Amino acid sequence: MACNDSGVTRPLPTQDTATTRTIFICGYVLFFAIALIAGAVGVHWRTWLPGAEGVKSLNGGVKAAVYSFMSLIH
C-alpha cells in the first residue's frame, strides 16, 4: 500500500490489474460470441451462462456471466 500526502492509502498499480482486464476482455468476447451464435440459431443462451439468467439485455447478460466467471477464478 502506498501512502500519499493526505494520509489516505491506496493500492499501487500492479500486473494484476492488467491481467484482470485481459481476462475480462477475453471472457467477454468468448461469452458474447456464444450469445450471438445461440441467438442467431434461436436457442435460449442465458441458461448456459452463469449469472445471466435474470438479465434482459444481451450486453447485460454477457457482463453478468463474465463477472460470475471471474469470481470463480479469483
C-alpha atoms as a PDB file:
ATOM      1  CA  MET A   1       0.000   0.000   0.000  1.00  0.00           C
ATOM      2  CA  ALA A   2       1.209   3.457  -0.838  1.00  0.00           C
ATOM      3  CA  CYS A   3       0.530   6.443   1.335  1.00  0.00           C
ATOM      4  CA  ASN A   4       0.023   9.836  -0.284  1.00  0.00           C
ATOM      5  CA  ASP A   5       0.307  13.254   1.378  1.00  0.00           C
ATOM      6  CA  SER A   6      -3.272  13.263   2.694  1.00  0.00           C
ATOM      7  CA  GLY A   7      -2.706  10.038   4.635  1.00  0.00           C
ATOM      8  CA  VAL A   8      -5.130   8.004   2.517  1.00  0.00           C
ATOM      9  CA  THR A   9      -3.785   4.646   1.437  1.00  0.00           C
ATOM     10  CA  ARG A  10      -4.470   3.225  -1.984  1.00  0.00           C
ATOM     11  CA  PRO A  11      -3.072   0.205  -3.776  1.00  0.00           C
ATOM     12  CA  LEU A  12      -0.186   0.585  -6.162  1.00  0.00           C
ATOM     13  CA  PRO A  13      -0.843  -0.313  -9.798  1.00  0.00           C
ATOM     14  CA  THR A  14       0.335  -3.852 -10.399  1.00  0.00           C
ATOM     15  CA  GLN A  15       0.448  -6.523 -13.049  1.00  0.00           C
ATOM     16  CA  ASP A  16      -2.757  -7.939 -11.520  1.00  0.00           C
ATOM     17  CA  THR A  17      -4.753  -5.039 -12.953  1.00  0.00           C
ATOM     18  CA  ALA A  18      -3.593  -5.763 -16.494  1.00  0.00           C
ATOM     19  CA  THR A  19      -4.167  -9.483 -16.010  1.00  0.00           C
ATOM     20  CA  THR A  20      -7.675  -8.949 -14.667  1.00  0.00           C
ATOM     21  CA  ARG A  21      -8.500  -6.625 -17.554  1.00  0.00           C
ATOM     22  CA  THR A  22      -7.179  -9.173 -20.069  1.00  0.00           C
ATOM     23  CA  ILE A  23      -9.204 -11.998 -18.518  1.00  0.00           C
ATOM     24  CA  PHE A  24     -12.336  -9.807 -18.531  1.00  0.00           C
ATOM     25  CA  ILE A  25     -11.915  -8.849 -22.200  1.00  0.00           C
ATOM     26  CA  CYS A  26     -11.208 -12.436 -23.311  1.00  0.00           C
ATOM     27  CA  GLY A  27     -14.146 -13.756 -21.308  1.00  0.00           C
ATOM     28  CA  TYR A  28     -16.434 -11.038 -22.625  1.00  0.00           C
ATOM     29  CA  VAL A  29     -15.517 -11.770 -26.252  1.00  0.00           C
ATOM     30  CA  LEU A  30     -15.984 -15.517 -25.725  1.00  0.00           C
ATOM     31  CA  PHE A  31     -19.348 -15.211 -23.961  1.00  0.00           C
ATOM     32  CA  PHE A  32     -20.547 -12.565 -26.422  1.00  0.00           C
ATOM     33  CA  ALA A  33     -19.742 -14.872 -29.341  1.00  0.00           C
ATOM     34  CA  ILE A  34     -21.629 -17.722 -27.629  1.00  0.00           C
ATOM     35  CA  ALA A  35     -24.623 -15.444 -27.037  1.00  0.00           C
ATOM     36  CA  LEU A  36     -24.629 -14.129 -30.608  1.00  0.00           C
ATOM     37  CA  ILE A  37     -24.368 -17.561 -32.200  1.00  0.00           C
ATOM     38  CA  ALA A  38     -27.014 -19.027 -29.901  1.00  0.00           C
ATOM     39  CA  GLY A  39     -29.273 -16.030 -30.511  1.00  0.00           C
ATOM     40  CA  ALA A  40     -28.910 -16.380 -34.263  1.00  0.00           C
ATOM     41  CA  VAL A  41     -29.832 -20.058 -34.058  1.00  0.00           C
ATOM     42  CA  GLY A  42     -32.765 -19.311 -31.733  1.00  0.00           C
ATOM     43  CA  VAL A  43     -31.512 -21.085 -28.609  1.00  0.00           C
ATOM     44  CA  HIS A  44     -32.081 -19.666 -25.101  1.00  0.00           C
ATOM     45  CA  TRP A  45     -28.450 -18.938 -24.240  1.00  0.00           C
ATOM     46  CA  ARG A  46     -28.987 -17.278 -20.852  1.00  0.00           C
ATOM     47  CA  THR A  47     -29.339 -20.622 -19.100  1.00  0.00           C
ATOM     48  CA  TRP A  48     -25.893 -21.643 -20.393  1.00  0.00           C
ATOM     49  CA  LEU A  49     -24.022 -18.675 -18.920  1.00  0.00           C
ATOM     50  CA  PRO A  50     -23.626 -18.346 -15.140  1.00  0.00           C
ATOM     51  CA  GLY A  51     -25.257 -15.233 -13.700  1.00  0.00           C
ATOM     52  CA  ALA A  52     -27.045 -14.230 -16.911  1.00  0.00           C
ATOM     53  CA  GLU A  53     -30.348 -15.946 -16.153  1.00  0.00           C
ATOM     54  CA  GLY A  54     -32.300 -12.923 -14.947  1.00  0.00           C
ATOM     55  CA  VAL A  55     -30.839 -10.227 -17.217  1.00  0.00           C
ATOM     56  CA  LYS A  56     -32.915  -8.978 -20.154  1.00  0.00           C
ATOM     57  CA  SER A  57     -30.312  -7.408 -22.473  1.00  0.00           C
ATOM     58  CA  LEU A  58     -27.555  -9.160 -24.408  1.00  0.00           C
ATOM     59  CA  ASN A  59     -24.831  -6.846 -23.091  1.00  0.00           C
ATOM     60  CA  GLY A  60     -26.064  -7.093 -19.500  1.00  0.00           C
ATOM     61  CA  GLY A  61     -26.297 -10.872 -19.668  1.00  0.00           C
ATOM     62  CA  VAL A  62     -22.795 -11.221 -21.055  1.00  0.00           C
ATOM     63  CA  LYS A  63     -21.384  -8.825 -18.422  1.00  0.00           C
ATOM     64  CA  ALA A  64     -23.125 -10.768 -15.643  1.00  0.00           C
ATOM     65  CA  ALA A  65     -21.719 -14.023 -16.997  1.00  0.00           C
ATOM     66  CA  VAL A  66     -18.196 -12.634 -17.207  1.00  0.00           C
ATOM     67  CA  TYR A  67     -18.328 -11.234 -13.652  1.00  0.00           C
ATOM     68  CA  SER A  68     -19.629 -14.592 -12.379  1.00  0.00           C
ATOM     69  CA  PHE A  69     -16.886 -16.399 -14.297  1.00  0.00           C
ATOM     70  CA  MET A  70     -14.191 -14.067 -12.949  1.00  0.00           C
ATOM     71  CA  SER A  71     -15.361 -14.526  -9.356  1.00  0.00           C
ATOM     72  CA  LEU A  72     -14.824 -18.265  -9.778  1.00  0.00           C
ATOM     73  CA  ILE A  73     -11.219 -17.908 -10.956  1.00  0.00           C
ATOM     74  CA  HIS A  74     -10.091 -15.287  -8.416  1.00  0.00           C
END
